N, C-alpha and C. Protein backbone atom coordinates (compact mmCIF):
# COMPACT_ATOMS: atom_id res chain seq x y z
N MET A 1 -60.39 34.40 3.60
CA MET A 1 -60.33 33.32 4.55
C MET A 1 -58.86 33.07 4.86
N SER A 2 -58.51 33.06 6.13
CA SER A 2 -57.11 32.87 6.49
C SER A 2 -56.81 31.39 6.69
N LYS A 3 -55.60 31.03 6.36
CA LYS A 3 -55.15 29.66 6.55
C LYS A 3 -54.45 29.55 7.89
N LYS A 4 -54.51 28.38 8.47
CA LYS A 4 -53.87 28.15 9.75
C LYS A 4 -52.38 27.94 9.51
N HIS A 5 -51.55 28.71 10.20
CA HIS A 5 -50.11 28.59 10.09
C HIS A 5 -49.55 28.04 11.39
N ASN A 6 -48.40 27.43 11.30
CA ASN A 6 -47.73 26.94 12.50
C ASN A 6 -47.00 28.10 13.14
N ALA A 7 -47.74 28.99 13.75
CA ALA A 7 -47.19 30.19 14.35
C ALA A 7 -46.56 29.85 15.70
N ARG A 8 -45.54 30.60 16.03
CA ARG A 8 -44.88 30.44 17.31
C ARG A 8 -45.60 31.30 18.34
N PRO A 9 -45.56 30.90 19.60
CA PRO A 9 -46.25 31.68 20.63
C PRO A 9 -45.69 33.09 20.77
N ASP A 10 -44.39 33.29 20.49
CA ASP A 10 -43.81 34.62 20.64
C ASP A 10 -44.03 35.49 19.40
N GLY A 11 -44.70 34.95 18.37
CA GLY A 11 -45.04 35.72 17.18
C GLY A 11 -43.92 35.80 16.15
N LEU A 12 -42.74 35.25 16.43
CA LEU A 12 -41.62 35.32 15.50
C LEU A 12 -41.89 34.42 14.31
N VAL A 13 -41.73 34.97 13.12
CA VAL A 13 -41.89 34.20 11.91
C VAL A 13 -40.52 33.83 11.35
N TYR A 14 -39.61 34.78 11.30
CA TYR A 14 -38.30 34.55 10.72
C TYR A 14 -37.30 35.52 11.34
N SER A 15 -36.08 35.06 11.57
CA SER A 15 -35.04 35.93 12.12
C SER A 15 -33.75 35.76 11.34
N THR A 16 -33.10 36.88 11.03
CA THR A 16 -31.80 36.83 10.36
C THR A 16 -30.67 36.85 11.37
N ASN A 17 -30.99 37.00 12.64
CA ASN A 17 -30.00 37.02 13.70
C ASN A 17 -29.49 35.61 13.94
N GLN A 18 -28.22 35.36 13.62
CA GLN A 18 -27.66 34.02 13.76
C GLN A 18 -27.50 33.63 15.23
N ASP A 19 -27.45 34.61 16.12
CA ASP A 19 -27.30 34.33 17.54
C ASP A 19 -28.64 34.14 18.25
N TYR A 20 -29.72 34.25 17.52
CA TYR A 20 -31.04 34.15 18.14
C TYR A 20 -31.25 32.75 18.69
N MET A 21 -31.58 32.68 19.95
CA MET A 21 -31.90 31.42 20.59
C MET A 21 -33.32 31.52 21.13
N SER A 22 -34.05 30.47 20.99
CA SER A 22 -35.43 30.49 21.43
C SER A 22 -35.69 29.39 22.44
N ASN A 23 -36.54 29.67 23.39
CA ASN A 23 -36.97 28.65 24.34
C ASN A 23 -38.20 27.92 23.83
N TYR A 24 -38.57 28.25 22.60
CA TYR A 24 -39.76 27.67 22.01
C TYR A 24 -39.55 26.19 21.73
N GLU A 25 -40.50 25.38 22.16
CA GLU A 25 -40.46 23.95 21.87
C GLU A 25 -41.69 23.60 21.06
N GLU A 26 -41.54 22.62 20.20
CA GLU A 26 -42.67 22.16 19.41
C GLU A 26 -43.75 21.62 20.34
N GLU A 27 -44.99 21.88 20.00
CA GLU A 27 -46.08 21.33 20.79
C GLU A 27 -46.14 19.83 20.54
N PRO A 28 -46.36 19.04 21.57
CA PRO A 28 -46.48 17.61 21.35
C PRO A 28 -47.75 17.31 20.55
N ALA A 29 -47.67 16.26 19.78
CA ALA A 29 -48.84 15.88 18.98
C ALA A 29 -50.00 15.58 19.92
N GLY A 30 -51.16 16.14 19.61
CA GLY A 30 -52.33 15.93 20.46
C GLY A 30 -52.79 14.49 20.41
N GLU A 31 -53.35 14.06 21.51
CA GLU A 31 -53.88 12.71 21.56
C GLU A 31 -55.33 12.74 21.12
N THR A 32 -55.77 11.64 20.57
CA THR A 32 -57.15 11.53 20.12
C THR A 32 -58.06 11.30 21.31
N ALA A 33 -59.12 12.09 21.38
CA ALA A 33 -60.10 11.94 22.45
C ALA A 33 -60.82 10.60 22.30
N PRO A 34 -61.29 10.03 23.40
CA PRO A 34 -62.04 8.77 23.31
C PRO A 34 -63.28 8.94 22.45
N LYS A 35 -63.71 7.85 21.83
CA LYS A 35 -64.87 7.90 20.93
C LYS A 35 -66.10 8.46 21.60
N ASP A 36 -66.34 8.09 22.85
CA ASP A 36 -67.55 8.55 23.53
C ASP A 36 -67.49 10.01 23.95
N LYS A 37 -66.34 10.67 23.77
CA LYS A 37 -66.20 12.09 24.08
C LYS A 37 -66.16 12.96 22.82
N GLN A 38 -66.10 12.34 21.66
CA GLN A 38 -66.03 13.09 20.39
C GLN A 38 -67.41 13.65 20.06
N LYS A 39 -67.47 14.94 19.75
CA LYS A 39 -68.73 15.58 19.36
C LYS A 39 -68.69 15.82 17.85
N LEU A 40 -69.04 14.80 17.10
CA LEU A 40 -69.00 14.88 15.64
C LEU A 40 -70.32 15.41 15.10
N ARG A 41 -70.23 16.25 14.09
CA ARG A 41 -71.41 16.81 13.42
C ARG A 41 -71.36 16.39 11.96
N VAL A 42 -72.44 15.82 11.48
CA VAL A 42 -72.52 15.36 10.09
C VAL A 42 -73.52 16.26 9.37
N LYS A 43 -73.10 16.82 8.24
CA LYS A 43 -74.00 17.70 7.48
C LYS A 43 -73.71 17.58 6.00
N LEU A 44 -74.67 18.01 5.20
CA LEU A 44 -74.51 18.03 3.75
C LEU A 44 -74.07 19.41 3.31
N ASP A 45 -73.29 19.46 2.23
CA ASP A 45 -72.77 20.73 1.75
C ASP A 45 -72.67 20.69 0.23
N THR A 46 -72.94 21.85 -0.40
CA THR A 46 -72.77 21.97 -1.85
C THR A 46 -71.97 23.22 -2.21
N LYS A 47 -71.49 23.96 -1.21
CA LYS A 47 -70.79 25.21 -1.47
C LYS A 47 -69.49 24.97 -2.22
N GLN A 48 -69.26 25.74 -3.25
CA GLN A 48 -68.05 25.70 -4.06
C GLN A 48 -67.74 24.32 -4.59
N ARG A 49 -68.78 23.56 -4.92
CA ARG A 49 -68.58 22.20 -5.41
C ARG A 49 -69.39 21.95 -6.68
N ALA A 50 -69.66 22.99 -7.42
CA ALA A 50 -70.38 22.90 -8.70
C ALA A 50 -71.71 22.15 -8.56
N GLY A 51 -72.39 22.37 -7.43
CA GLY A 51 -73.69 21.75 -7.23
C GLY A 51 -73.65 20.31 -6.76
N LYS A 52 -72.47 19.73 -6.66
CA LYS A 52 -72.34 18.35 -6.19
C LYS A 52 -72.51 18.32 -4.67
N VAL A 53 -73.17 17.29 -4.18
CA VAL A 53 -73.40 17.15 -2.74
C VAL A 53 -72.25 16.37 -2.12
N VAL A 54 -71.78 16.85 -0.98
CA VAL A 54 -70.80 16.11 -0.19
C VAL A 54 -71.31 16.04 1.24
N THR A 55 -70.90 14.99 1.94
CA THR A 55 -71.23 14.82 3.35
C THR A 55 -69.99 15.20 4.16
N LEU A 56 -70.16 16.13 5.09
CA LEU A 56 -69.05 16.60 5.92
C LEU A 56 -69.20 16.05 7.33
N VAL A 57 -68.10 15.56 7.88
CA VAL A 57 -68.05 15.14 9.27
C VAL A 57 -67.06 16.08 9.94
N ASP A 58 -67.57 16.90 10.86
CA ASP A 58 -66.77 17.94 11.49
C ASP A 58 -66.69 17.70 12.99
N GLY A 59 -65.65 18.23 13.63
CA GLY A 59 -65.55 18.19 15.08
C GLY A 59 -64.63 17.10 15.60
N PHE A 60 -63.90 16.40 14.73
CA PHE A 60 -63.00 15.36 15.19
C PHE A 60 -61.85 15.98 15.97
N SER A 61 -61.57 15.44 17.13
CA SER A 61 -60.50 15.95 17.97
C SER A 61 -59.47 14.84 18.15
N GLY A 62 -58.30 15.02 17.51
CA GLY A 62 -57.27 14.00 17.63
C GLY A 62 -56.18 14.16 16.60
N THR A 63 -55.39 13.13 16.44
CA THR A 63 -54.25 13.17 15.52
C THR A 63 -54.73 13.04 14.07
N ASN A 64 -53.90 13.53 13.16
CA ASN A 64 -54.23 13.43 11.74
C ASN A 64 -54.30 11.97 11.29
N ASP A 65 -53.46 11.11 11.85
CA ASP A 65 -53.49 9.69 11.48
C ASP A 65 -54.84 9.07 11.84
N ASP A 66 -55.34 9.37 13.04
CA ASP A 66 -56.63 8.83 13.46
C ASP A 66 -57.77 9.40 12.62
N LEU A 67 -57.66 10.68 12.27
CA LEU A 67 -58.66 11.31 11.39
C LEU A 67 -58.66 10.63 10.03
N GLU A 68 -57.48 10.40 9.47
CA GLU A 68 -57.39 9.75 8.16
C GLU A 68 -57.90 8.31 8.21
N ASP A 69 -57.64 7.61 9.33
CA ASP A 69 -58.15 6.24 9.47
C ASP A 69 -59.67 6.21 9.50
N LEU A 70 -60.28 7.14 10.25
CA LEU A 70 -61.74 7.21 10.29
C LEU A 70 -62.29 7.58 8.92
N GLY A 71 -61.65 8.54 8.26
CA GLY A 71 -62.08 8.93 6.92
C GLY A 71 -62.02 7.77 5.94
N LYS A 72 -60.96 6.99 6.03
CA LYS A 72 -60.81 5.83 5.14
C LYS A 72 -61.91 4.79 5.39
N LYS A 73 -62.20 4.55 6.68
CA LYS A 73 -63.28 3.61 7.02
C LYS A 73 -64.62 4.07 6.43
N LEU A 74 -64.90 5.38 6.58
CA LEU A 74 -66.17 5.91 6.07
C LEU A 74 -66.23 5.85 4.55
N LYS A 75 -65.14 6.20 3.88
CA LYS A 75 -65.11 6.15 2.42
C LYS A 75 -65.31 4.73 1.93
N THR A 76 -64.71 3.76 2.61
CA THR A 76 -64.86 2.36 2.23
C THR A 76 -66.31 1.90 2.42
N LYS A 77 -66.90 2.23 3.57
CA LYS A 77 -68.30 1.84 3.84
C LYS A 77 -69.26 2.46 2.82
N CYS A 78 -68.97 3.72 2.41
CA CYS A 78 -69.86 4.40 1.47
C CYS A 78 -69.56 4.01 0.02
N GLY A 79 -68.38 3.49 -0.21
CA GLY A 79 -67.98 3.18 -1.58
C GLY A 79 -67.82 4.47 -2.38
N ALA A 80 -67.31 5.51 -1.73
CA ALA A 80 -67.21 6.82 -2.37
C ALA A 80 -65.84 7.42 -2.10
N GLY A 81 -65.51 8.44 -2.86
CA GLY A 81 -64.26 9.16 -2.66
C GLY A 81 -64.43 10.21 -1.59
N GLY A 82 -63.33 10.85 -1.27
CA GLY A 82 -63.38 11.90 -0.27
C GLY A 82 -62.00 12.21 0.24
N SER A 83 -61.95 12.98 1.33
CA SER A 83 -60.67 13.36 1.93
C SER A 83 -60.86 13.57 3.42
N ALA A 84 -59.72 13.61 4.13
CA ALA A 84 -59.74 13.86 5.57
C ALA A 84 -58.54 14.72 5.91
N LYS A 85 -58.82 15.97 6.33
CA LYS A 85 -57.73 16.87 6.74
C LYS A 85 -58.31 18.01 7.56
N ASP A 86 -57.46 18.62 8.38
CA ASP A 86 -57.84 19.78 9.19
C ASP A 86 -59.06 19.52 10.08
N GLY A 87 -59.19 18.31 10.60
CA GLY A 87 -60.30 17.99 11.49
C GLY A 87 -61.63 17.79 10.79
N LEU A 88 -61.60 17.65 9.46
CA LEU A 88 -62.82 17.55 8.67
C LEU A 88 -62.72 16.36 7.72
N ILE A 89 -63.77 15.55 7.69
CA ILE A 89 -63.85 14.44 6.74
C ILE A 89 -64.89 14.80 5.70
N LEU A 90 -64.53 14.66 4.45
CA LEU A 90 -65.41 14.98 3.33
C LEU A 90 -65.65 13.70 2.55
N ILE A 91 -66.91 13.32 2.38
CA ILE A 91 -67.29 12.14 1.61
C ILE A 91 -68.15 12.59 0.44
N GLN A 92 -67.81 12.18 -0.77
CA GLN A 92 -68.56 12.60 -1.95
C GLN A 92 -69.90 11.88 -2.00
N GLY A 93 -70.99 12.64 -2.01
CA GLY A 93 -72.33 12.08 -2.08
C GLY A 93 -73.11 12.34 -0.80
N ASP A 94 -74.40 11.97 -0.84
CA ASP A 94 -75.30 12.17 0.29
C ASP A 94 -75.37 10.87 1.10
N TYR A 95 -74.58 10.81 2.16
CA TYR A 95 -74.53 9.63 3.03
C TYR A 95 -74.78 10.01 4.48
N LYS A 96 -75.44 11.13 4.72
CA LYS A 96 -75.59 11.66 6.06
C LYS A 96 -76.19 10.65 7.05
N GLU A 97 -77.33 10.10 6.73
CA GLU A 97 -78.01 9.19 7.67
C GLU A 97 -77.19 7.92 7.90
N LYS A 98 -76.60 7.37 6.84
CA LYS A 98 -75.80 6.16 6.99
C LYS A 98 -74.56 6.42 7.85
N ILE A 99 -73.90 7.55 7.61
CA ILE A 99 -72.69 7.87 8.37
C ILE A 99 -73.01 8.07 9.85
N ILE A 100 -74.11 8.75 10.14
CA ILE A 100 -74.51 8.94 11.54
C ILE A 100 -74.73 7.58 12.21
N ALA A 101 -75.42 6.68 11.53
CA ALA A 101 -75.69 5.35 12.08
C ALA A 101 -74.39 4.57 12.30
N TRP A 102 -73.48 4.59 11.32
CA TRP A 102 -72.21 3.88 11.46
C TRP A 102 -71.38 4.45 12.60
N LEU A 103 -71.29 5.77 12.70
CA LEU A 103 -70.50 6.39 13.75
C LEU A 103 -71.04 6.01 15.13
N LYS A 104 -72.36 6.02 15.29
CA LYS A 104 -72.95 5.63 16.57
C LYS A 104 -72.67 4.16 16.88
N ASP A 105 -72.73 3.30 15.84
CA ASP A 105 -72.42 1.88 16.03
C ASP A 105 -70.96 1.69 16.44
N TRP A 106 -70.07 2.54 15.96
CA TRP A 106 -68.63 2.44 16.25
C TRP A 106 -68.26 3.09 17.57
N GLY A 107 -69.23 3.65 18.30
CA GLY A 107 -68.96 4.21 19.62
C GLY A 107 -68.93 5.72 19.70
N TYR A 108 -69.15 6.42 18.60
CA TYR A 108 -69.19 7.88 18.62
C TYR A 108 -70.61 8.30 18.98
N VAL A 109 -70.97 8.18 20.26
CA VAL A 109 -72.35 8.35 20.71
C VAL A 109 -72.85 9.78 20.68
N LEU A 110 -71.96 10.78 20.64
CA LEU A 110 -72.38 12.18 20.64
C LEU A 110 -72.55 12.74 19.22
N THR A 111 -72.66 11.86 18.24
CA THR A 111 -72.78 12.29 16.84
C THR A 111 -74.18 12.80 16.55
N LYS A 112 -74.25 13.92 15.82
CA LYS A 112 -75.54 14.48 15.39
C LYS A 112 -75.49 14.70 13.90
């Protein structure tokens, strides 16, 4: 499984040329899509978790700060641990139906 790297569009990873100048600019931080445009998918998972069930919320499109805020809200509502990174929110335990209901109440109408 490959990890996502902050690759440059020109493919350059490293240069020892001190005179190297690049026109490459950092991509601006993406904006978070409106709640009613987010296509969130909620599912249960036990893979590589020693048989423990976790609830995954996938498909979030936006900044890491907004993802972490949503993850924190969900963890608080569930009273459970978890994490939020790489566009994925992980909540420890089986909270699928509750999370779908909360997300729809909060305006994420395209949640399944």
